[in-house]
N, C-alpha and C. Protein backbone atom coordinates (compact mmCIF):
# COMPACT_ATOMS: atom_id res chain seq x y z
N MET A 1 0.63 -1.13 0.21
CA MET A 1 0.07 0.16 -0.31
C MET A 1 0.80 1.45 -0.21
N GLU A 2 0.59 2.20 -0.87
CA GLU A 2 1.26 3.66 -0.98
C GLU A 2 0.66 4.41 -0.10
N ILE A 3 1.54 5.34 0.63
CA ILE A 3 0.61 6.53 1.46
C ILE A 3 0.31 7.44 0.41
N ASP A 4 -0.53 8.20 0.26
CA ASP A 4 -0.57 9.67 -0.38
C ASP A 4 -0.60 10.89 0.38
N THR A 5 0.46 11.04 1.00
CA THR A 5 0.69 11.97 1.73
C THR A 5 -0.07 13.42 1.27
N ASP A 6 0.02 13.47 0.24
CA ASP A 6 -0.99 15.00 0.06
C ASP A 6 -2.37 14.69 0.19
N ASN A 7 -2.97 13.95 0.63
CA ASN A 7 -3.88 13.72 0.69
C ASN A 7 -4.03 14.04 2.35
N ILE A 8 -3.51 13.08 3.29
CA ILE A 8 -2.75 13.27 4.55
C ILE A 8 -2.83 14.88 4.63
N ASP A 9 -1.69 15.75 4.04
CA ASP A 9 -1.75 17.28 4.28
C ASP A 9 -2.97 17.83 4.32
N ASP A 10 -3.61 17.42 3.33
CA ASP A 10 -5.36 18.06 3.25
C ASP A 10 -5.64 18.30 4.12
N THR A 11 -5.73 16.45 5.02
CA THR A 11 -7.09 16.62 5.69
C THR A 11 -6.27 17.35 7.30
N VAL A 12 -5.02 17.31 7.39
CA VAL A 12 -4.11 17.72 8.05
C VAL A 12 -4.53 19.28 8.43
N LEU A 13 -4.26 19.91 7.49
CA LEU A 13 -4.69 21.53 7.42
C LEU A 13 -5.90 21.56 7.29
N GLY A 14 -6.77 21.02 6.90
CA GLY A 14 -8.28 20.76 7.57
C GLY A 14 -8.54 21.07 8.38
N LEU A 15 -8.24 20.02 9.37
CA LEU A 15 -8.27 19.70 10.57
C LEU A 15 -7.54 21.21 11.68
N LEU A 16 -6.39 21.29 11.22
CA LEU A 16 -5.57 22.76 11.57
C LEU A 16 -7.10 24.09 11.62
N TRP A 17 -7.94 24.14 11.19
CA TRP A 17 -8.65 25.24 10.99
C TRP A 17 -10.16 24.53 11.88
N LEU A 18 -10.31 23.83 11.98
CA LEU A 18 -10.85 23.20 13.52
C LEU A 18 -10.06 23.48 14.64
N THR A 19 -9.24 23.81 14.90
CA THR A 19 -8.83 24.11 16.21
C THR A 19 -7.76 25.59 16.73
N LEU A 20 -8.40 26.25 15.18
CA LEU A 20 -8.27 27.83 14.92
C LEU A 20 -8.08 28.80 16.08
N HIS A 21 -7.53 29.16 16.27
CA HIS A 21 -7.72 30.80 17.37
C HIS A 21 -7.05 31.47 17.29
N ASP A 22 -7.09 32.80 17.93
CA ASP A 22 -6.15 34.24 17.80
C ASP A 22 -6.32 34.37 16.24
N GLU A 23 -7.00 34.17 15.73
CA GLU A 23 -7.28 34.71 13.98
C GLU A 23 -6.52 33.68 13.14
N ARG A 24 -4.97 33.07 13.28
CA ARG A 24 -4.59 32.43 12.37
C ARG A 24 -3.31 31.02 13.43
N ARG A 25 -3.74 31.32 14.65
CA ARG A 25 -2.92 30.09 15.42
C ARG A 25 -4.07 28.82 15.14
N ALA A 26 -3.34 27.74 15.42
CA ALA A 26 -3.98 26.40 15.46
C ALA A 26 -2.87 25.37 16.33
N TRP A 27 -3.71 24.53 17.36
CA TRP A 27 -2.74 23.51 17.64
C TRP A 27 -2.28 22.51 17.18
N LYS A 28 -1.35 22.46 17.23
CA LYS A 28 0.01 21.65 16.67
C LYS A 28 -0.36 19.63 17.18
N GLU A 29 -1.29 19.53 17.84
CA GLU A 29 -1.06 18.12 17.86
C GLU A 29 -1.38 17.22 16.92
N LEU A 30 -1.12 17.65 15.91
CA LEU A 30 -1.32 16.00 14.96
C LEU A 30 0.56 15.80 14.63
N ASP A 31 0.27 15.00 13.31
CA ASP A 31 1.18 14.33 12.94
C ASP A 31 2.57 15.25 12.80
N TRP A 32 3.45 14.84 13.06
CA TRP A 32 4.59 16.02 12.89
C TRP A 32 4.91 16.09 11.48
N ASP A 33 5.20 14.96 10.68
CA ASP A 33 5.61 14.96 9.41
C ASP A 33 4.90 15.68 8.38
N ALA A 34 3.34 15.52 8.92
CA ALA A 34 2.80 16.67 8.35
C ALA A 34 3.03 17.89 8.30
N LEU A 35 3.11 17.89 9.47
CA LEU A 35 3.23 19.51 9.92
C LEU A 35 3.87 20.14 8.83
N ASP A 36 5.90 19.29 9.25
CA ASP A 36 7.19 19.69 8.62
C ASP A 36 6.64 19.87 7.04
N ARG A 37 5.75 18.85 6.27
CA ARG A 37 5.74 19.01 5.08
C ARG A 37 4.91 20.45 4.75
N LEU A 38 4.23 20.69 5.31
CA LEU A 38 2.60 21.81 5.10
C LEU A 38 3.36 22.95 5.54
N HIS A 39 4.53 22.86 6.17
CA HIS A 39 5.76 24.08 6.34
C HIS A 39 6.76 24.09 5.28
N GLY A 40 6.76 23.11 4.60
CA GLY A 40 7.92 22.98 3.39
C GLY A 40 7.06 23.84 1.76
N LYS A 41 5.75 23.34 1.78
CA LYS A 41 4.86 23.93 1.12
C LYS A 41 4.06 25.57 1.46
N GLY A 42 4.89 26.01 2.60
CA GLY A 42 4.27 27.26 3.20
C GLY A 42 3.15 27.69 3.06
N LEU A 43 2.40 26.66 3.88
CA LEU A 43 1.07 26.54 4.55
C LEU A 43 1.08 27.30 6.12
N ILE A 44 2.18 26.49 6.62
CA ILE A 44 2.25 27.04 8.10
C ILE A 44 3.69 27.55 7.96
N ALA A 45 4.09 28.29 9.64
CA ALA A 45 5.45 28.77 9.80
C ALA A 45 5.70 27.15 10.23
N ASN A 46 7.20 27.93 10.52
CA ASN A 46 8.28 26.61 11.07
C ASN A 46 6.89 26.14 12.30
N PRO A 47 7.17 24.56 12.31
CA PRO A 47 5.90 23.87 13.33
C PRO A 47 7.65 23.62 14.72
N ALA A 48 8.60 23.87 14.57
CA ALA A 48 9.31 23.26 15.62
C ALA A 48 9.86 24.57 16.17
N ASN A 49 9.00 24.79 16.95
CA ASN A 49 9.54 25.53 18.40
C ASN A 49 8.48 25.22 19.50
N LYS A 50 8.64 26.08 20.22
CA LYS A 50 8.31 25.30 21.71
C LYS A 50 6.46 26.03 22.05
N ALA A 51 6.28 26.84 21.29
CA ALA A 51 4.75 26.68 21.28
C ALA A 51 3.72 25.81 20.80
N LYS A 52 2.51 25.83 21.85
CA LYS A 52 1.87 24.35 21.16
C LYS A 52 0.95 24.93 20.13
N SER A 53 0.85 26.14 19.68
CA SER A 53 0.16 25.99 18.35
C SER A 53 1.29 26.66 17.06
N VAL A 54 0.71 26.25 16.01
CA VAL A 54 1.44 27.34 14.68
C VAL A 54 0.55 28.28 14.14
N VAL A 55 1.40 29.15 13.46
CA VAL A 55 0.43 29.81 12.57
C VAL A 55 0.42 29.67 11.31
N LEU A 56 -0.58 29.89 10.44
CA LEU A 56 -0.92 29.49 9.45
C LEU A 56 -0.67 30.79 8.72
N THR A 57 0.03 30.67 7.44
CA THR A 57 0.14 31.76 6.43
C THR A 57 -1.26 32.30 6.10
N ASP A 58 -1.03 33.49 5.14
CA ASP A 58 -1.91 33.86 4.19
C ASP A 58 -3.00 32.37 3.75
N GLU A 59 -1.71 32.51 2.67
CA GLU A 59 -2.30 30.79 1.78
C GLU A 59 -2.96 29.87 2.47
N GLY A 60 -2.20 29.26 3.70
CA GLY A 60 -2.70 28.46 4.83
C GLY A 60 -3.86 28.38 5.52
N LEU A 61 -4.16 30.46 5.30
CA LEU A 61 -5.69 30.35 6.28
C LEU A 61 -6.67 30.06 5.46
N ARG A 62 -6.24 30.38 4.18
CA ARG A 62 -7.58 30.38 2.92
C ARG A 62 -7.53 28.87 2.19
N ARG A 63 -6.56 28.10 2.25
CA ARG A 63 -6.74 26.57 2.09
C ARG A 63 -7.03 25.89 3.18
N ALA A 64 -6.60 25.94 4.09
CA ALA A 64 -7.41 25.33 5.63
C ALA A 64 -8.71 25.11 5.26
N GLU A 65 -9.60 26.70 5.68
CA GLU A 65 -11.07 27.15 5.61
C GLU A 65 -11.34 26.20 4.12
N GLU A 66 -11.17 26.50 3.18
CA GLU A 66 -11.81 25.23 2.07
C GLU A 66 -11.74 23.89 2.00
N LEU A 67 -10.38 23.41 2.76
CA LEU A 67 -10.37 22.38 2.63
C LEU A 67 -11.40 21.46 4.28
N PHE A 68 -11.63 22.65 5.24
CA PHE A 68 -12.19 22.53 6.46
C PHE A 68 -14.19 22.04 5.51
N ARG A 69 -14.45 23.24 5.00
CA ARG A 69 -15.52 23.29 4.21
C ARG A 69 -15.92 22.01 3.34
N THR A 70 -15.01 21.53 1.96
CA THR A 70 -14.95 20.29 1.79
C THR A 70 -14.83 19.17 2.09
N LEU A 71 -14.04 18.66 2.96
CA LEU A 71 -14.06 17.76 4.07
C LEU A 71 -14.99 17.76 4.94
N PHE A 72 -15.49 18.31 5.92
CA PHE A 72 -16.31 18.33 7.08
C PHE A 72 -17.14 18.65 7.26
N THR A 73 -18.00 19.41 6.10
CA THR A 73 -18.96 19.79 5.91
C THR A 73 -19.92 19.32 4.93
N HIS A 74 -21.43 19.23 5.30
CA HIS A 74 -22.62 19.34 3.89
C HIS A 74 -23.04 20.34 3.58
N PRO A 75 -22.84 19.79 2.37
CA PRO A 75 -23.26 20.78 0.97
C PRO A 75 -24.74 21.39 1.79
N ALA A 76 -25.04 23.40 1.46
CA ALA A 76 -26.05 23.49 1.71
C ALA A 76 -27.56 23.10 1.01
N PRO A 77 -28.76 22.99 1.55
CA PRO A 77 -29.90 22.51 0.75
C PRO A 77 -30.04 22.96 -0.55
């Protein structure tokens, strides 16, 4: 079985939207490899620090909301 890390990254980014606080910070209690990949894609600030949350970039914030709505909500009737 081959793991699709892009799908994992999209899911993690969508979940970061779920834990969003202070406008663009999200709890980083998710897979560290995925967080590192999201950082490499320019969607979050470097997660390797002592803070318990990570800062989403402008693009990361936009994409996180889009993914959250796509992956975790029902379409409006």
